């Protein structure tokens, strides 16, 4: 999980039984390239609020194992957790190897 997402989302996912690795805990301030490379090497889905990962994946064609981009108007922790719950409930089984964008208005999935 990228630093921009916050600790509350990590805590929620851990309570739900997911193995969560956060940039905040392991490598604060890491460059996006390093974050994405680590996610790939550990076969992890990356959760972020940073649109720059779309640039890396689509324009530069960098490898990934799945990215969930939270594009939220309301950046409060409670809203981030709420949206992650929605994503996990509705499309959690489709996160692997897809680029998923979640907004308050809906969820888009791209291969």
PDB file of N, CA and C in Angstrom:
ATOM      1  N   UNK A   1       0.834  -1.158   0.000  1.00  0.00           N
ATOM      2  CA  UNK A   1       0.000   0.000   0.000  1.00  0.00           C
ATOM      3  C   UNK A   1       0.889   1.235   0.000  1.00  0.00           C
ATOM      4  N   UNK A   2       0.566   2.165  -0.877  1.00  0.00           N
ATOM      5  CA  UNK A   2       1.321   3.397  -1.006  1.00  0.00           C
ATOM      6  C   UNK A   2       1.076   4.309   0.194  1.00  0.00           C
ATOM      7  N   UNK A   3       2.015   5.219   0.420  1.00  0.00           N
ATOM      8  CA  UNK A   3       1.904   6.139   1.553  1.00  0.00           C
ATOM      9  C   UNK A   3       0.646   6.994   1.494  1.00  0.00           C
ATOM     10  N   UNK A   4       0.219   7.358   0.310  1.00  0.00           N
ATOM     11  CA  UNK A   4      -0.918   8.264   0.158  1.00  0.00           C
ATOM     12  C   UNK A   4      -2.236   7.674   0.649  1.00  0.00           C
ATOM     13  N   UNK A   5      -2.293   6.382   0.786  1.00  0.00           N
ATOM     14  CA  UNK A   5      -3.555   5.732   1.143  1.00  0.00           C
ATOM     15  C   UNK A   5      -3.874   5.839   2.630  1.00  0.00           C
ATOM     16  N   UNK A   6      -2.880   5.744   3.459  1.00  0.00           N
ATOM     17  CA  UNK A   6      -3.098   5.949   4.892  1.00  0.00           C
ATOM     18  C   UNK A   6      -3.197   4.669   5.701  1.00  0.00           C
ATOM     19  N   UNK A   7      -2.980   4.840   6.973  1.00  0.00           N
ATOM     20  CA  UNK A   7      -2.929   3.702   7.901  1.00  0.00           C
ATOM     21  C   UNK A   7      -4.291   3.083   8.176  1.00  0.00           C
ATOM     22  N   UNK A   8      -5.341   3.868   8.089  1.00  0.00           N
ATOM     23  CA  UNK A   8      -6.670   3.323   8.402  1.00  0.00           C
ATOM     24  C   UNK A   8      -7.086   2.240   7.406  1.00  0.00           C
ATOM     25  N   UNK A   9      -6.728   2.415   6.143  1.00  0.00           N
ATOM     26  CA  UNK A   9      -7.049   1.394   5.136  1.00  0.00           C
ATOM     27  C   UNK A   9      -6.240   0.133   5.414  1.00  0.00           C
ATOM     28  N   UNK A  10      -4.969   0.294   5.743  1.00  0.00           N
ATOM     29  CA  UNK A  10      -4.131  -0.865   6.084  1.00  0.00           C
ATOM     30  C   UNK A  10      -4.703  -1.600   7.282  1.00  0.00           C
ATOM     31  N   UNK A  11      -5.104  -0.862   8.306  1.00  0.00           N
ATOM     32  CA  UNK A  11      -5.675  -1.487   9.504  1.00  0.00           C
ATOM     33  C   UNK A  11      -6.950  -2.243   9.169  1.00  0.00           C
ATOM     34  N   UNK A  12      -7.806  -1.645   8.359  1.00  0.00           N
ATOM     35  CA  UNK A  12      -9.050  -2.316   7.953  1.00  0.00           C
ATOM     36  C   UNK A  12      -8.742  -3.625   7.212  1.00  0.00           C
ATOM     37  N   UNK A  13      -7.865  -3.564   6.231  1.00  0.00           N
ATOM     38  CA  UNK A  13      -7.558  -4.765   5.446  1.00  0.00           C
ATOM     39  C   UNK A  13      -6.924  -5.853   6.306  1.00  0.00           C
ATOM     40  N   UNK A  14      -6.090  -5.473   7.233  1.00  0.00           N
ATOM     41  CA  UNK A  14      -5.495  -6.459   8.142  1.00  0.00           C
ATOM     42  C   UNK A  14      -6.561  -7.114   9.011  1.00  0.00           C
ATOM     43  N   UNK A  15      -7.504  -6.322   9.499  1.00  0.00           N
ATOM     44  CA  UNK A  15      -8.605  -6.898  10.295  1.00  0.00           C
ATOM     45  C   UNK A  15      -9.422  -7.889   9.464  1.00  0.00           C
ATOM     46  N   UNK A  16      -9.471  -7.663   8.172  1.00  0.00           N
ATOM     47  CA  UNK A  16     -10.199  -8.557   7.273  1.00  0.00           C
ATOM     48  C   UNK A  16      -9.371  -9.777   6.867  1.00  0.00           C
ATOM     49  N   UNK A  17      -8.137  -9.865   7.369  1.00  0.00           N
ATOM     50  CA  UNK A  17      -7.308 -11.039   7.118  1.00  0.00           C
ATOM     51  C   UNK A  17      -6.349 -10.929   5.946  1.00  0.00           C
ATOM     52  N   UNK A  18      -6.178  -9.738   5.395  1.00  0.00           N
ATOM     53  CA  UNK A  18      -5.268  -9.556   4.267  1.00  0.00           C
ATOM     54  C   UNK A  18      -3.847  -9.277   4.751  1.00  0.00           C
ATOM     55  N   UNK A  19      -2.887  -9.769   4.010  1.00  0.00           N
ATOM     56  CA  UNK A  19      -1.473  -9.527   4.286  1.00  0.00           C
ATOM     57  C   UNK A  19      -1.120  -8.188   3.645  1.00  0.00           C
ATOM     58  N   UNK A  20      -0.925  -7.173   4.455  1.00  0.00           N
ATOM     59  CA  UNK A  20      -0.710  -5.815   3.958  1.00  0.00           C
ATOM     60  C   UNK A  20       0.719  -5.374   4.251  1.00  0.00           C
ATOM     61  N   UNK A  21       1.366  -4.890   3.218  1.00  0.00           N
ATOM     62  CA  UNK A  21       2.707  -4.314   3.323  1.00  0.00           C
ATOM     63  C   UNK A  21       2.554  -2.839   2.978  1.00  0.00           C
ATOM     64  N   UNK A  22       3.003  -1.941   3.853  1.00  0.00           N
ATOM     65  CA  UNK A  22       2.850  -0.516   3.569  1.00  0.00           C
ATOM     66  C   UNK A  22       4.196   0.162   3.370  1.00  0.00           C
ATOM     67  N   UNK A  23       4.215   1.091   2.443  1.00  0.00           N
ATOM     68  CA  UNK A  23       5.409   1.884   2.195  1.00  0.00           C
ATOM     69  C   UNK A  23       5.740   2.708   3.435  1.00  0.00           C
ATOM     70  N   UNK A  24       4.716   3.203   4.105  1.00  0.00           N
ATOM     71  CA  UNK A  24       4.911   4.023   5.301  1.00  0.00           C
ATOM     72  C   UNK A  24       5.713   3.275   6.360  1.00  0.00           C
ATOM     73  N   UNK A  25       5.456   2.010   6.517  1.00  0.00           N
ATOM     74  CA  UNK A  25       6.123   1.209   7.540  1.00  0.00           C
ATOM     75  C   UNK A  25       7.505   0.716   7.114  1.00  0.00           C
ATOM     76  N   UNK A  26       7.693   0.475   5.822  1.00  0.00           N
ATOM     77  CA  UNK A  26       8.931  -0.177   5.398  1.00  0.00           C
ATOM     78  C   UNK A  26       9.922   0.716   4.664  1.00  0.00           C
ATOM     79  N   UNK A  27       9.429   1.644   3.870  1.00  0.00           N
ATOM     80  CA  UNK A  27      10.352   2.482   3.096  1.00  0.00           C
ATOM     81  C   UNK A  27       9.742   3.857   2.830  1.00  0.00           C
ATOM     82  N   UNK A  28       9.531   4.639   3.888  1.00  0.00           N
ATOM     83  CA  UNK A  28       8.916   5.960   3.718  1.00  0.00           C
ATOM     84  C   UNK A  28       9.662   6.813   2.700  1.00  0.00           C
ATOM     85  N   UNK A  29       8.897   7.487   1.863  1.00  0.00           N
ATOM     86  CA  UNK A  29       9.484   8.373   0.873  1.00  0.00           C
ATOM     87  C   UNK A  29      10.004   7.687  -0.371  1.00  0.00           C
ATOM     88  N   UNK A  30       9.761   6.400  -0.513  1.00  0.00           N
ATOM     89  CA  UNK A  30      10.261   5.659  -1.676  1.00  0.00           C
ATOM     90  C   UNK A  30       9.655   6.215  -2.966  1.00  0.00           C
ATOM     91  N   UNK A  31      10.441   6.193  -4.022  1.00  0.00           N
ATOM     92  CA  UNK A  31       9.976   6.637  -5.336  1.00  0.00           C
ATOM     93  C   UNK A  31       8.927   5.667  -5.869  1.00  0.00           C
ATOM     94  N   UNK A  32       8.040   6.184  -6.708  1.00  0.00           N
ATOM     95  CA  UNK A  32       6.977   5.352  -7.275  1.00  0.00           C
ATOM     96  C   UNK A  32       7.532   4.117  -7.981  1.00  0.00           C
ATOM     97  N   UNK A  33       8.629   4.294  -8.695  1.00  0.00           N
ATOM     98  CA  UNK A  33       9.248   3.177  -9.406  1.00  0.00           C
ATOM     99  C   UNK A  33       9.623   2.067  -8.425  1.00  0.00           C
ATOM    100  N   UNK A  34      10.232   2.431  -7.314  1.00  0.00           N
ATOM    101  CA  UNK A  34      10.638   1.439  -6.313  1.00  0.00           C
ATOM    102  C   UNK A  34       9.426   0.761  -5.679  1.00  0.00           C
ATOM    103  N   UNK A  35       8.381   1.537  -5.443  1.00  0.00           N
ATOM    104  CA  UNK A  35       7.159   0.983  -4.860  1.00  0.00           C
ATOM    105  C   UNK A  35       6.545  -0.042  -5.805  1.00  0.00           C
ATOM    106  N   UNK A  36       6.430   0.307  -7.072  1.00  0.00           N
ATOM    107  CA  UNK A  36       5.838  -0.612  -8.050  1.00  0.00           C
ATOM    108  C   UNK A  36       6.711  -1.846  -8.242  1.00  0.00           C
ATOM    109  N   UNK A  37       8.016  -1.672  -8.300  1.00  0.00           N
ATOM    110  CA  UNK A  37       8.916  -2.817  -8.451  1.00  0.00           C
ATOM    111  C   UNK A  37       8.803  -3.769  -7.267  1.00  0.00           C
ATOM    112  N   UNK A  38       8.689  -3.229  -6.073  1.00  0.00           N
ATOM    113  CA  UNK A  38       8.554  -4.091  -4.901  1.00  0.00           C
ATOM    114  C   UNK A  38       7.222  -4.839  -4.927  1.00  0.00           C
ATOM    115  N   UNK A  39       6.161  -4.158  -5.309  1.00  0.00           N
ATOM    116  CA  UNK A  39       4.858  -4.819  -5.397  1.00  0.00           C
ATOM    117  C   UNK A  39       4.913  -5.976  -6.394  1.00  0.00           C
ATOM    118  N   UNK A  40       5.557  -5.762  -7.505  1.00  0.00           N
ATOM    119  CA  UNK A  40       5.684  -6.825  -8.513  1.00  0.00           C
ATOM    120  C   UNK A  40       6.530  -7.964  -7.961  1.00  0.00           C
ATOM    121  N   UNK A  41       7.662  -7.659  -7.356  1.00  0.00           N
ATOM    122  CA  UNK A  41       8.552  -8.714  -6.873  1.00  0.00           C
ATOM    123  C   UNK A  41       7.906  -9.539  -5.762  1.00  0.00           C
ATOM    124  N   UNK A  42       7.005  -8.923  -4.995  1.00  0.00           N
ATOM    125  CA  UNK A  42       6.317  -9.638  -3.913  1.00  0.00           C
ATOM    126  C   UNK A  42       4.934 -10.131  -4.331  1.00  0.00           C
ATOM    127  N   UNK A  43       4.600  -9.954  -5.616  1.00  0.00           N
ATOM    128  CA  UNK A  43       3.317 -10.404  -6.164  1.00  0.00           C
ATOM    129  C   UNK A  43       2.137  -9.808  -5.393  1.00  0.00           C
ATOM    130  N   UNK A  44       2.187  -8.475  -5.224  1.00  0.00           N
ATOM    131  CA  UNK A  44       1.164  -7.765  -4.452  1.00  0.00           C
ATOM    132  C   UNK A  44       0.380  -6.787  -5.324  1.00  0.00           C
ATOM    133  N   UNK A  45      -0.858  -6.601  -4.957  1.00  0.00           N
ATOM    134  CA  UNK A  45      -1.694  -5.565  -5.552  1.00  0.00           C
ATOM    135  C   UNK A  45      -1.367  -4.268  -4.829  1.00  0.00           C
ATOM    136  N   UNK A  46      -1.201  -3.196  -5.582  1.00  0.00           N
ATOM    137  CA  UNK A  46      -0.862  -1.901  -5.011  1.00  0.00           C
ATOM    138  C   UNK A  46      -2.117  -1.054  -4.850  1.00  0.00           C
ATOM    139  N   UNK A  47      -2.306  -0.499  -3.668  1.00  0.00           N
ATOM    140  CA  UNK A  47      -3.407   0.429  -3.415  1.00  0.00           C
ATOM    141  C   UNK A  47      -2.785   1.809  -3.227  1.00  0.00           C
ATOM    142  N   UNK A  48      -3.330   2.804  -3.949  1.00  0.00           N
ATOM    143  CA  UNK A  48      -2.743   4.132  -3.939  1.00  0.00           C
ATOM    144  C   UNK A  48      -3.791   5.206  -4.198  1.00  0.00           C
ATOM    145  N   UNK A  49      -3.420   6.437  -3.902  1.00  0.00           N
ATOM    146  CA  UNK A  49      -4.205   7.614  -4.279  1.00  0.00           C
ATOM    147  C   UNK A  49      -3.437   8.418  -5.322  1.00  0.00           C
ATOM    148  N   UNK A  50      -2.324   7.912  -5.778  1.00  0.00           N
ATOM    149  CA  UNK A  50      -1.393   8.619  -6.653  1.00  0.00           C
ATOM    150  C   UNK A  50      -1.628   8.238  -8.121  1.00  0.00           C
ATOM    151  N   UNK A  51      -2.088   9.209  -8.919  1.00  0.00           N
ATOM    152  CA  UNK A  51      -2.367   8.966 -10.339  1.00  0.00           C
ATOM    153  C   UNK A  51      -1.118   8.661 -11.144  1.00  0.00           C
ATOM    154  N   UNK A  52       0.047   8.970 -10.614  1.00  0.00           N
ATOM    155  CA  UNK A  52       1.297   8.739 -11.354  1.00  0.00           C
ATOM    156  C   UNK A  52       1.504   7.269 -11.708  1.00  0.00           C
ATOM    157  N   UNK A  53       0.911   6.373 -10.952  1.00  0.00           N
ATOM    158  CA  UNK A  53       1.066   4.946 -11.266  1.00  0.00           C
ATOM    159  C   UNK A  53       0.389   4.591 -12.591  1.00  0.00           C
ATOM    160  N   UNK A  54      -0.660   5.312 -12.949  1.00  0.00           N
ATOM    161  CA  UNK A  54      -1.292   5.114 -14.259  1.00  0.00           C
ATOM    162  C   UNK A  54      -0.331   5.459 -15.378  1.00  0.00           C
ATOM    163  N   UNK A  55       0.410   6.520 -15.198  1.00  0.00           N
ATOM    164  CA  UNK A  55       1.443   6.905 -16.166  1.00  0.00           C
ATOM    165  C   UNK A  55       2.469   5.782 -16.328  1.00  0.00           C
ATOM    166  N   UNK A  56       2.926   5.230 -15.228  1.00  0.00           N
ATOM    167  CA  UNK A  56       3.939   4.173 -15.280  1.00  0.00           C
ATOM    168  C   UNK A  56       3.402   2.917 -15.968  1.00  0.00           C
ATOM    169  N   UNK A  57       2.161   2.586 -15.692  1.00  0.00           N
ATOM    170  CA  UNK A  57       1.585   1.352 -16.223  1.00  0.00           C
ATOM    171  C   UNK A  57       1.138   1.496 -17.677  1.00  0.00           C
ATOM    172  N   UNK A  58       0.486   2.588 -18.019  1.00  0.00           N
ATOM    173  CA  UNK A  58      -0.083   2.711 -19.365  1.00  0.00           C
ATOM    174  C   UNK A  58       0.844   3.372 -20.366  1.00  0.00           C
ATOM    175  N   UNK A  59       1.517   4.403 -19.983  1.00  0.00           N
ATOM    176  CA  UNK A  59       2.390   5.080 -20.949  1.00  0.00           C
ATOM    177  C   UNK A  59       3.749   4.417 -21.039  1.00  0.00           C
ATOM    178  N   UNK A  60       4.264   3.986 -19.902  1.00  0.00           N
ATOM    179  CA  UNK A  60       5.601   3.381 -19.906  1.00  0.00           C
ATOM    180  C   UNK A  60       5.552   1.852 -19.942  1.00  0.00           C
ATOM    181  N   UNK A  61       4.344   1.317 -19.826  1.00  0.00           N
ATOM    182  CA  UNK A  61       4.130  -0.140 -19.936  1.00  0.00           C
ATOM    183  C   UNK A  61       4.855  -0.937 -18.858  1.00  0.00           C
ATOM    184  N   UNK A  62       4.913  -0.408 -17.654  1.00  0.00           N
ATOM    185  CA  UNK A  62       5.571  -1.131 -16.572  1.00  0.00           C
ATOM    186  C   UNK A  62       4.670  -2.246 -16.073  1.00  0.00           C
ATOM    187  N   UNK A  63       5.313  -3.295 -15.687  1.00  0.00           N
ATOM    188  CA  UNK A  63       4.628  -4.479 -15.176  1.00  0.00           C
ATOM    189  C   UNK A  63       3.982  -4.171 -13.823  1.00  0.00           C
ATOM    190  N   UNK A  64       2.859  -4.833 -13.556  1.00  0.00           N
ATOM    191  CA  UNK A  64       2.201  -4.723 -12.248  1.00  0.00           C
ATOM    192  C   UNK A  64       1.395  -5.986 -11.997  1.00  0.00           C
ATOM    193  N   UNK A  65       0.957  -6.174 -10.760  1.00  0.00           N
ATOM    194  CA  UNK A  65       0.128  -7.335 -10.387  1.00  0.00           C
ATOM    195  C   UNK A  65      -1.306  -6.924 -10.074  1.00  0.00           C
ATOM    196  N   UNK A  66      -1.558  -5.641 -10.256  1.00  0.00           N
ATOM    197  CA  UNK A  66      -2.874  -5.072  -9.979  1.00  0.00           C
ATOM    198  C   UNK A  66      -2.692  -3.773  -9.220  1.00  0.00           C
ATOM    199  N   UNK A  67      -3.477  -2.772  -9.602  1.00  0.00           N
ATOM    200  CA  UNK A  67      -3.418  -1.481  -8.930  1.00  0.00           C
ATOM    201  C   UNK A  67      -4.837  -1.018  -8.653  1.00  0.00           C
ATOM    202  N   UNK A  68      -5.073  -0.596  -7.427  1.00  0.00           N
ATOM    203  CA  UNK A  68      -6.334   0.044  -7.052  1.00  0.00           C
ATOM    204  C   UNK A  68      -6.021   1.506  -6.788  1.00  0.00           C
ATOM    205  N   UNK A  69      -6.551   2.373  -7.648  1.00  0.00           N
ATOM    206  CA  UNK A  69      -6.379   3.813  -7.497  1.00  0.00           C
ATOM    207  C   UNK A  69      -7.650   4.389  -6.885  1.00  0.00           C
ATOM    208  N   UNK A  70      -7.508   5.003  -5.724  1.00  0.00           N
ATOM    209  CA  UNK A  70      -8.619   5.673  -5.066  1.00  0.00           C
ATOM    210  C   UNK A  70      -8.602   7.140  -5.502  1.00  0.00           C
ATOM    211  N   UNK A  71      -9.575   7.536  -6.329  1.00  0.00           N
ATOM    212  CA  UNK A  71      -9.690   8.927  -6.798  1.00  0.00           C
ATOM    213  C   UNK A  71     -10.904   9.532  -6.116  1.00  0.00           C
ATOM    214  N   UNK A  72     -10.692   9.981  -4.914  1.00  0.00           N
ATOM    215  CA  UNK A  72     -11.804  10.404  -4.069  1.00  0.00           C
ATOM    216  C   UNK A  72     -11.815  11.910  -3.861  1.00  0.00           C
ATOM    217  N   UNK A  73     -12.996  12.482  -3.893  1.00  0.00           N
ATOM    218  CA  UNK A  73     -13.144  13.898  -3.532  1.00  0.00           C
ATOM    219  C   UNK A  73     -12.958  14.070  -2.034  1.00  0.00           C
ATOM    220  N   UNK A  74     -13.520  13.146  -1.290  1.00  0.00           N
ATOM    221  CA  UNK A  74     -13.439  13.158   0.171  1.00  0.00           C
ATOM    222  C   UNK A  74     -12.273  12.262   0.584  1.00  0.00           C
ATOM    223  N   UNK A  75     -11.165  12.872   0.971  1.00  0.00           N
ATOM    224  CA  UNK A  75      -9.939  12.144   1.304  1.00  0.00           C
ATOM    225  C   UNK A  75      -9.852  11.732   2.769  1.00  0.00           C
ATOM    226  N   UNK A  76     -10.925  11.904   3.515  1.00  0.00           N
ATOM    227  CA  UNK A  76     -10.885  11.487   4.914  1.00  0.00           C
ATOM    228  C   UNK A  76     -10.698   9.972   5.013  1.00  0.00           C
ATOM    229  N   UNK A  77     -10.037   9.550   6.079  1.00  0.00           N
ATOM    230  CA  UNK A  77      -9.749   8.133   6.289  1.00  0.00           C
ATOM    231  C   UNK A  77     -11.004   7.280   6.249  1.00  0.00           C
ATOM    232  N   UNK A  78     -12.056   7.760   6.872  1.00  0.00           N
ATOM    233  CA  UNK A  78     -13.298   6.981   6.914  1.00  0.00           C
ATOM    234  C   UNK A  78     -13.855   6.741   5.521  1.00  0.00           C
ATOM    235  N   UNK A  79     -13.725   7.712   4.623  1.00  0.00           N
ATOM    236  CA  UNK A  79     -14.212   7.532   3.255  1.00  0.00           C
ATOM    237  C   UNK A  79     -13.315   6.580   2.471  1.00  0.00           C
ATOM    238  N   UNK A  80     -12.011   6.660   2.697  1.00  0.00           N
ATOM    239  CA  UNK A  80     -11.100   5.721   2.031  1.00  0.00           C
ATOM    240  C   UNK A  80     -11.435   4.282   2.430  1.00  0.00           C
ATOM    241  N   UNK A  81     -11.638   4.065   3.714  1.00  0.00           N
ATOM    242  CA  UNK A  81     -11.985   2.721   4.185  1.00  0.00           C
ATOM    243  C   UNK A  81     -13.316   2.285   3.587  1.00  0.00           C
ATOM    244  N   UNK A  82     -14.281   3.174   3.576  1.00  0.00           N
ATOM    245  CA  UNK A  82     -15.599   2.849   3.005  1.00  0.00           C
ATOM    246  C   UNK A  82     -15.471   2.431   1.547  1.00  0.00           C
ATOM    247  N   UNK A  83     -14.674   3.166   0.774  1.00  0.00           N
ATOM    248  CA  UNK A  83     -14.523   2.843  -0.642  1.00  0.00           C
ATOM    249  C   UNK A  83     -13.755   1.535  -0.852  1.00  0.00           C
ATOM    250  N   UNK A  84     -12.764   1.274  -0.032  1.00  0.00           N
ATOM    251  CA  UNK A  84     -12.049   0.001  -0.148  1.00  0.00           C
ATOM    252  C   UNK A  84     -13.000  -1.152   0.164  1.00  0.00           C
ATOM    253  N   UNK A  85     -13.866  -0.986   1.151  1.00  0.00           N
ATOM    254  CA  UNK A  85     -14.877  -2.013   1.445  1.00  0.00           C
ATOM    255  C   UNK A  85     -15.765  -2.258   0.237  1.00  0.00           C
ATOM    256  N   UNK A  86     -16.204  -1.178  -0.401  1.00  0.00           N
ATOM    257  CA  UNK A  86     -17.056  -1.296  -1.591  1.00  0.00           C
ATOM    258  C   UNK A  86     -16.318  -2.051  -2.692  1.00  0.00           C
ATOM    259  N   UNK A  87     -15.081  -1.663  -2.943  1.00  0.00           N
ATOM    260  CA  UNK A  87     -14.287  -2.319  -3.984  1.00  0.00           C
ATOM    261  C   UNK A  87     -14.111  -3.798  -3.675  1.00  0.00           C
ATOM    262  N   UNK A  88     -13.740  -4.115  -2.461  1.00  0.00           N
ATOM    263  CA  UNK A  88     -13.513  -5.513  -2.095  1.00  0.00           C
ATOM    264  C   UNK A  88     -14.796  -6.331  -2.232  1.00  0.00           C
ATOM    265  N   UNK A  89     -15.911  -5.754  -1.891  1.00  0.00           N
ATOM    266  CA  UNK A  89     -17.193  -6.456  -1.983  1.00  0.00           C
ATOM    267  C   UNK A  89     -17.616  -6.652  -3.436  1.00  0.00           C
ATOM    268  N   UNK A  90     -17.475  -5.603  -4.233  1.00  0.00           N
ATOM    269  CA  UNK A  90     -18.000  -5.644  -5.601  1.00  0.00           C
ATOM    270  C   UNK A  90     -17.051  -6.253  -6.618  1.00  0.00           C
ATOM    271  N   UNK A  91     -15.755  -5.969  -6.502  1.00  0.00           N
ATOM    272  CA  UNK A  91     -14.820  -6.431  -7.542  1.00  0.00           C
ATOM    273  C   UNK A  91     -13.510  -6.963  -6.974  1.00  0.00           C
ATOM    274  N   UNK A  92     -13.499  -7.312  -5.710  1.00  0.00           N
ATOM    275  CA  UNK A  92     -12.272  -7.787  -5.077  1.00  0.00           C
ATOM    276  C   UNK A  92     -11.607  -8.933  -5.815  1.00  0.00           C
ATOM    277  N   UNK A  93     -12.400  -9.792  -6.415  1.00  0.00           N
ATOM    278  CA  UNK A  93     -11.859 -10.942  -7.142  1.00  0.00           C
ATOM    279  C   UNK A  93     -11.281 -10.550  -8.504  1.00  0.00           C
ATOM    280  N   UNK A  94     -11.445  -9.293  -8.913  1.00  0.00           N
ATOM    281  CA  UNK A  94     -10.946  -8.847 -10.217  1.00  0.00           C
ATOM    282  C   UNK A  94      -9.773  -7.866 -10.101  1.00  0.00           C
ATOM    283  N   UNK A  95      -9.250  -7.668  -8.906  1.00  0.00           N
ATOM    284  CA  UNK A  95      -8.143  -6.729  -8.736  1.00  0.00           C
ATOM    285  C   UNK A  95      -6.842  -7.239  -9.352  1.00  0.00           C
ATOM    286  N   UNK A  96      -6.603  -8.526  -9.242  1.00  0.00           N
ATOM    287  CA  UNK A  96      -5.357  -9.109  -9.735  1.00  0.00           C
ATOM    288  C   UNK A  96      -5.183  -8.796 -11.224  1.00  0.00           C
ATOM    289  N   UNK A  97      -4.035  -8.207 -11.564  1.00  0.00           N
ATOM    290  CA  UNK A  97      -3.626  -7.902 -12.943  1.00  0.00           C
ATOM    291  C   UNK A  97      -4.504  -6.874 -13.655  1.00  0.00           C
ATOM    292  N   UNK A  98      -5.288  -6.122 -12.902  1.00  0.00           N
ATOM    293  CA  UNK A  98      -6.105  -5.065 -13.488  1.00  0.00           C
ATOM    294  C   UNK A  98      -5.761  -3.729 -12.847  1.00  0.00           C
ATOM    295  N   UNK A  99      -6.095  -2.666 -13.562  1.00  0.00           N
ATOM    296  CA  UNK A  99      -5.962  -1.312 -13.048  1.00  0.00           C
ATOM    297  C   UNK A  99      -7.376  -0.868 -12.719  1.00  0.00           C
ATOM    298  N   UNK A 100      -7.658  -0.721 -11.438  1.00  0.00           N
ATOM    299  CA  UNK A 100      -9.007  -0.419 -10.971  1.00  0.00           C
ATOM    300  C   UNK A 100      -9.014   1.000 -10.402  1.00  0.00           C
ATOM    301  N   UNK A 101      -9.972   1.792 -10.873  1.00  0.00           N
ATOM    302  CA  UNK A 101     -10.121   3.158 -10.380  1.00  0.00           C
ATOM    303  C   UNK A 101     -11.450   3.238  -9.645  1.00  0.00           C
ATOM    304  N   UNK A 102     -11.379   3.642  -8.381  1.00  0.00           N
ATOM    305  CA  UNK A 102     -12.586   3.754  -7.567  1.00  0.00           C
ATOM    306  C   UNK A 102     -12.826   5.218  -7.215  1.00  0.00           C
ATOM    307  N   UNK A 103     -14.028   5.680  -7.506  1.00  0.00           N
ATOM    308  CA  UNK A 103     -14.468   7.017  -7.115  1.00  0.00           C
ATOM    309  C   UNK A 103     -15.776   6.866  -6.357  1.00  0.00           C
ATOM    310  N   UNK A 104     -16.230   7.949  -5.775  1.00  0.00           N
ATOM    311  CA  UNK A 104     -17.520   7.888  -5.100  1.00  0.00           C
ATOM    312  C   UNK A 104     -18.640   7.577  -6.086  1.00  0.00           C
ATOM    313  N   UNK A 105     -18.434   7.878  -7.361  1.00  0.00           N
ATOM    314  CA  UNK A 105     -19.463   7.644  -8.377  1.00  0.00           C
ATOM    315  C   UNK A 105     -19.448   6.238  -8.957  1.00  0.00           C
ATOM    316  N   UNK A 106     -18.363   5.496  -8.768  1.00  0.00           N
ATOM    317  CA  UNK A 106     -18.327   4.152  -9.330  1.00  0.00           C
ATOM    318  C   UNK A 106     -16.934   3.569  -9.418  1.00  0.00           C
ATOM    319  N   UNK A 107     -16.855   2.399 -10.041  1.00  0.00           N
ATOM    320  CA  UNK A 107     -15.606   1.648 -10.160  1.00  0.00           C
ATOM    321  C   UNK A 107     -15.379   1.328 -11.632  1.00  0.00           C
ATOM    322  N   UNK A 108     -14.176   1.610 -12.122  1.00  0.00           N
ATOM    323  CA  UNK A 108     -13.796   1.258 -13.498  1.00  0.00           C
ATOM    324  C   UNK A 108     -12.660   0.240 -13.434  1.00  0.00           C
ATOM    325  N   UNK A 109     -12.717  -0.747 -14.290  1.00  0.00           N
ATOM    326  CA  UNK A 109     -11.684  -1.791 -14.322  1.00  0.00           C
ATOM    327  C   UNK A 109     -11.072  -1.820 -15.718  1.00  0.00           C
ATOM    328  N   UNK A 110      -9.746  -1.712 -15.767  1.00  0.00           N
ATOM    329  CA  UNK A 110      -9.016  -1.794 -17.040  1.00  0.00           C
ATOM    330  C   UNK A 110      -7.981  -2.900 -16.945  1.00  0.00           C
ATOM    331  N   UNK A 111      -7.771  -3.569 -18.048  1.00  0.00           N
ATOM    332  CA  UNK A 111      -6.751  -4.619 -18.070  1.00  0.00           C
ATOM    333  C   UNK A 111      -5.392  -4.013 -18.281  1.00  0.00           C
TER     334      UNK A 111
END
